[in-house]
Amino acid sequence: MHIRKLTAATVAALALLATAPAHATGMIAGATFPEQIVQELTLVEQYATQAQQLQAQFQMVYNQAMNLKNLPTQMWPNVSGQLQNLINLVGNAQGLTYAAQNTAAGVQAEYGVNGQSYQQNLSQWNGNLQSQIQQALNSFGLQAQDFQTQQQALQQIQNASQSATGRMQVMQAGNQIAGLMVNQLQGLQQTIMANGQVQLNAIGAQNAQNLQKSQINQQFLNGSTGKGFY
């Protein structure tokens, strides 16, 4: 199933689940669980698209630099901007997995959906991503510990701009990381899609049951005050 089809389905489900109790789950203050799940589905689709665009841009600059045997200074602003976008993408994707874990825990507590394996998969995704990024940085002579935070990574990019060797190293690493982000986000997209639908189905079933009970109670109350009750 394509993500666009699932997104449309979850938006429709959101309309049906509008009566769900509100809970703050991390990314949208005061959002209901269905709203949060739809937001996560939307964001992972956006991030996967961004990764593909970044990878294509990096590959273009990388091919130009390889043909020229170096990275001219006039090309650096373009590379630097793409590197910053890549850093933001990695941070946003990791933030999404943390939010999705919180949502899964909340849905499990509220609706009894067992989301432990889902949470473990999200945690494992983060660990795998960090490991692959470290390997990419190390393979091009960069120290992974210097890129632990967004601020550190941006500072290292600035430092690299001072030499032709440094510019080439971070460009090569960025090109490889952009490529692995495409694969990683496609996997994350599939994980969030599948589990998001399970969560929405469970919430919808519970809300439908609650609505049915409410309607039965209301019918009883209406009947109890009708003509001839006493």
Protein backbone atom coordinates (compact mmCIF):
# COMPACT_ATOMS: atom_id res chain seq x y z
CA MET A 1 0.00 0.00 0.00
CA HIS A 2 1.36 3.39 -0.92
CA ILE A 3 1.78 5.99 1.80
CA ARG A 4 -0.55 8.45 0.06
CA LYS A 5 -3.36 5.92 0.14
CA LEU A 6 -2.75 5.18 3.79
CA THR A 7 -2.55 8.86 4.66
CA ALA A 8 -5.93 9.44 3.06
CA ALA A 9 -7.35 6.50 4.99
CA THR A 10 -6.00 7.75 8.28
CA VAL A 11 -7.34 11.24 7.65
CA ALA A 12 -10.75 9.69 7.12
CA ALA A 13 -10.30 7.68 10.28
CA LEU A 14 -9.40 10.84 12.13
CA ALA A 15 -12.73 12.36 11.21
CA LEU A 16 -14.52 9.29 12.56
CA LEU A 17 -12.44 9.32 15.74
CA ALA A 18 -13.04 12.95 16.61
CA THR A 19 -14.71 11.92 19.87
CA ALA A 20 -11.52 10.31 21.18
CA PRO A 21 -10.29 11.75 24.52
CA ALA A 22 -7.54 14.35 24.20
CA HIS A 23 -4.06 13.46 25.36
CA ALA A 24 -0.80 15.38 24.98
CA THR A 25 1.58 12.93 23.33
CA GLY A 26 4.63 15.04 22.57
CA MET A 27 4.50 16.56 19.08
CA ILE A 28 1.09 18.25 19.21
CA ALA A 29 0.15 19.64 22.61
CA GLY A 30 -3.31 18.44 23.59
CA ALA A 31 -3.73 16.30 20.47
CA THR A 32 -5.83 13.17 20.47
CA PHE A 33 -4.02 9.93 19.79
CA PRO A 34 -5.52 9.67 16.27
CA GLU A 35 -4.33 13.20 15.48
CA GLN A 36 -0.87 12.32 16.73
CA ILE A 37 -0.72 9.12 14.69
CA VAL A 38 -1.81 10.94 11.52
CA GLN A 39 0.83 13.60 12.19
CA GLU A 40 3.50 10.92 12.49
CA LEU A 41 2.38 9.30 9.23
CA THR A 42 2.50 12.67 7.49
CA LEU A 43 5.93 13.57 8.84
CA VAL A 44 7.59 10.27 7.96
CA GLU A 45 6.30 10.65 4.40
CA GLN A 46 7.73 14.18 4.23
CA TYR A 47 11.09 13.09 5.64
CA ALA A 48 11.36 10.20 3.19
CA THR A 49 10.75 12.63 0.32
CA GLN A 50 13.31 15.08 1.69
CA ALA A 51 15.88 12.30 1.92
CA GLN A 52 15.42 11.40 -1.74
CA GLN A 53 15.76 15.04 -2.78
CA LEU A 54 18.88 15.55 -0.68
CA GLN A 55 20.48 12.39 -1.98
CA ALA A 56 19.93 13.50 -5.58
CA GLN A 57 21.41 16.94 -4.85
CA PHE A 58 24.44 15.48 -3.10
CA GLN A 59 25.05 13.02 -5.91
CA MET A 60 25.03 15.82 -8.46
CA VAL A 61 27.61 17.89 -6.58
CA TYR A 62 29.64 14.80 -5.78
CA ASN A 63 29.87 13.84 -9.46
CA GLN A 64 30.95 17.36 -10.37
CA ALA A 65 33.64 17.36 -7.69
CA MET A 66 34.94 13.96 -8.76
CA ASN A 67 35.20 15.14 -12.35
CA LEU A 68 37.15 18.19 -11.19
CA LYS A 69 39.28 16.11 -8.78
CA ASN A 70 38.45 18.54 -5.96
CA LEU A 71 35.71 20.70 -4.50
CA PRO A 72 36.11 24.34 -5.65
CA THR A 73 35.41 26.99 -3.04
CA GLN A 74 32.58 28.43 -5.15
CA MET A 75 30.73 25.11 -4.82
CA TRP A 76 31.08 25.03 -1.04
CA PRO A 77 28.06 27.20 -0.10
CA ASN A 78 25.79 24.77 -1.94
CA VAL A 79 27.37 21.76 -0.23
CA SER A 80 27.32 23.46 3.17
CA GLY A 81 23.61 24.22 2.85
CA GLN A 82 22.84 20.64 1.90
CA LEU A 83 24.88 19.36 4.84
CA GLN A 84 22.89 21.53 7.22
CA ASN A 85 19.65 20.24 5.71
CA LEU A 86 20.92 16.70 6.16
CA ILE A 87 21.76 17.33 9.82
CA ASN A 88 18.27 18.73 10.38
CA LEU A 89 16.71 15.74 8.63
CA VAL A 90 18.58 13.26 10.81
CA GLY A 91 17.54 15.13 13.96
CA ASN A 92 13.92 15.41 12.86
CA ALA A 93 13.71 11.72 11.99
CA GLN A 94 15.13 10.72 15.36
CA GLY A 95 12.72 13.08 17.10
CA LEU A 96 9.85 11.46 15.23
CA THR A 97 10.81 8.00 16.48
CA TYR A 98 10.87 9.24 20.07
CA ALA A 99 7.43 10.82 19.65
CA ALA A 100 6.08 7.65 18.02
CA GLN A 101 7.35 5.59 20.95
CA ASN A 102 5.53 7.89 23.35
CA THR A 103 2.35 7.63 21.30
CA ALA A 104 2.57 3.83 21.22
CA ALA A 105 3.03 3.72 24.98
CA GLY A 106 0.02 6.01 25.48
CA VAL A 107 -2.20 3.99 23.14
CA GLN A 108 -1.14 0.81 24.88
CA ALA A 109 -2.04 2.23 28.30
CA GLU A 110 -5.35 3.71 27.12
CA TYR A 111 -6.61 1.06 24.68
CA GLY A 112 -4.66 -2.08 25.55
CA VAL A 113 -2.81 -2.26 22.22
CA ASN A 114 0.48 -4.10 22.72
CA GLY A 115 2.99 -1.68 21.25
CA GLN A 116 6.15 -3.00 22.90
CA SER A 117 7.58 -4.58 19.75
CA TYR A 118 6.80 -1.39 17.83
CA GLN A 119 8.64 0.69 20.40
CA GLN A 120 11.59 -1.71 20.28
CA ASN A 121 11.71 -1.47 16.48
CA LEU A 122 11.80 2.32 16.67
CA SER A 123 14.57 2.24 19.25
CA GLN A 124 16.52 -0.26 17.15
CA TRP A 125 16.05 1.97 14.10
CA ASN A 126 17.70 4.83 15.95
CA GLY A 127 20.59 2.66 17.05
CA ASN A 128 21.18 1.34 13.53
CA LEU A 129 21.07 4.83 12.08
CA GLN A 130 23.62 6.17 14.53
CA SER A 131 25.92 3.23 13.88
CA GLN A 132 25.77 3.67 10.12
CA ILE A 133 26.40 7.41 10.37
CA GLN A 134 29.43 6.79 12.57
CA GLN A 135 30.81 4.29 10.08
CA ALA A 136 30.33 6.74 7.21
CA LEU A 137 32.10 9.53 9.07
CA ASN A 138 34.99 7.28 10.12
CA SER A 139 35.44 5.92 6.61
CA PHE A 140 36.26 9.43 5.36
CA GLY A 141 38.68 10.31 8.15
CA LEU A 142 36.17 12.17 10.32
CA GLN A 143 35.77 11.59 14.05
CA ALA A 144 32.25 10.45 14.85
CA GLN A 145 32.47 11.84 18.39
CA ASP A 146 32.78 15.33 16.89
CA PHE A 147 29.30 14.98 15.38
CA GLN A 148 27.34 13.87 18.44
CA THR A 149 25.07 16.92 18.53
CA GLN A 150 23.63 19.21 15.89
CA GLN A 151 25.75 22.10 17.15
CA GLN A 152 28.92 20.01 17.03
CA ALA A 153 28.14 18.82 13.51
CA LEU A 154 27.58 22.35 12.25
CA GLN A 155 30.84 23.45 13.85
CA GLN A 156 32.73 20.61 12.18
CA ILE A 157 31.28 21.62 8.82
CA GLN A 158 32.52 25.16 9.43
CA ASN A 159 35.96 23.84 10.36
CA ALA A 160 36.08 21.66 7.26
CA SER A 161 35.45 24.64 5.02
CA GLN A 162 38.94 25.97 5.82
CA SER A 163 40.74 23.37 3.68
CA ALA A 164 40.21 21.56 0.40
CA THR A 165 40.76 18.21 2.11
CA GLY A 166 38.21 19.01 4.81
CA ARG A 167 35.63 20.12 2.28
CA MET A 168 36.06 16.95 0.27
CA GLN A 169 35.82 14.75 3.38
CA VAL A 170 32.54 16.17 4.64
CA MET A 171 31.07 16.23 1.13
CA GLN A 172 31.88 12.55 0.62
CA ALA A 173 30.53 11.63 4.05
CA GLY A 174 27.40 13.71 3.44
CA ASN A 175 26.81 12.01 0.12
CA GLN A 176 27.02 8.57 1.71
CA ILE A 177 24.85 9.52 4.69
CA ALA A 178 22.22 11.05 2.40
CA GLY A 179 22.08 7.75 0.52
CA LEU A 180 21.67 5.65 3.64
CA MET A 181 18.99 8.04 4.93
CA VAL A 182 16.86 7.19 1.89
CA ASN A 183 16.93 3.49 2.80
CA GLN A 184 16.55 4.12 6.51
CA LEU A 185 13.54 6.41 6.11
CA GLN A 186 11.84 4.03 3.70
CA GLY A 187 12.09 1.35 6.38
CA LEU A 188 10.87 3.75 9.06
CA GLN A 189 7.98 4.77 6.83
CA GLN A 190 6.84 1.16 6.45
CA THR A 191 7.11 0.57 10.20
CA ILE A 192 5.10 3.66 11.16
CA MET A 193 2.52 2.99 8.44
CA ALA A 194 1.82 -0.57 9.56
CA ASN A 195 1.68 0.16 13.27
CA GLY A 196 -0.17 3.45 12.86
CA GLN A 197 -2.98 1.63 11.08
CA VAL A 198 -3.13 -0.99 13.84
CA GLN A 199 -3.38 1.74 16.45
CA LEU A 200 -6.09 3.63 14.56
CA ASN A 201 -8.11 0.46 14.08
CA ALA A 202 -7.96 -0.33 17.80
CA ILE A 203 -8.92 3.20 18.80
CA GLY A 204 -11.76 3.23 16.26
CA ALA A 205 -13.12 -0.09 17.52
CA GLN A 206 -13.04 1.09 21.13
CA ASN A 207 -14.68 4.41 20.31
CA ALA A 208 -17.39 2.66 18.28
CA GLN A 209 -18.08 0.38 21.23
CA ASN A 210 -18.24 3.34 23.61
CA LEU A 211 -20.56 5.19 21.24
CA GLN A 212 -22.86 2.19 21.03
CA LYS A 213 -23.03 1.94 24.82
CA SER A 214 -23.74 5.66 25.06
CA GLN A 215 -26.57 5.38 22.54
CA ILE A 216 -28.10 2.43 24.39
CA ASN A 217 -27.95 4.32 27.69
CA GLN A 218 -29.49 7.38 26.09
CA GLN A 219 -32.31 5.32 24.61
CA PHE A 220 -32.97 3.81 28.03
CA LEU A 221 -33.04 7.25 29.66
CA ASN A 222 -35.36 8.60 26.97
CA GLY A 223 -37.65 5.61 27.40
CA SER A 224 -37.64 5.87 31.18
CA THR A 225 -39.16 9.35 31.04
CA GLY A 226 -41.65 8.52 28.30
CA LYS A 227 -45.43 8.20 28.62
CA GLY A 228 -46.63 5.25 30.62
CA PHE A 229 -43.37 4.47 32.41
CA TYR A 230 -45.10 4.72 35.80
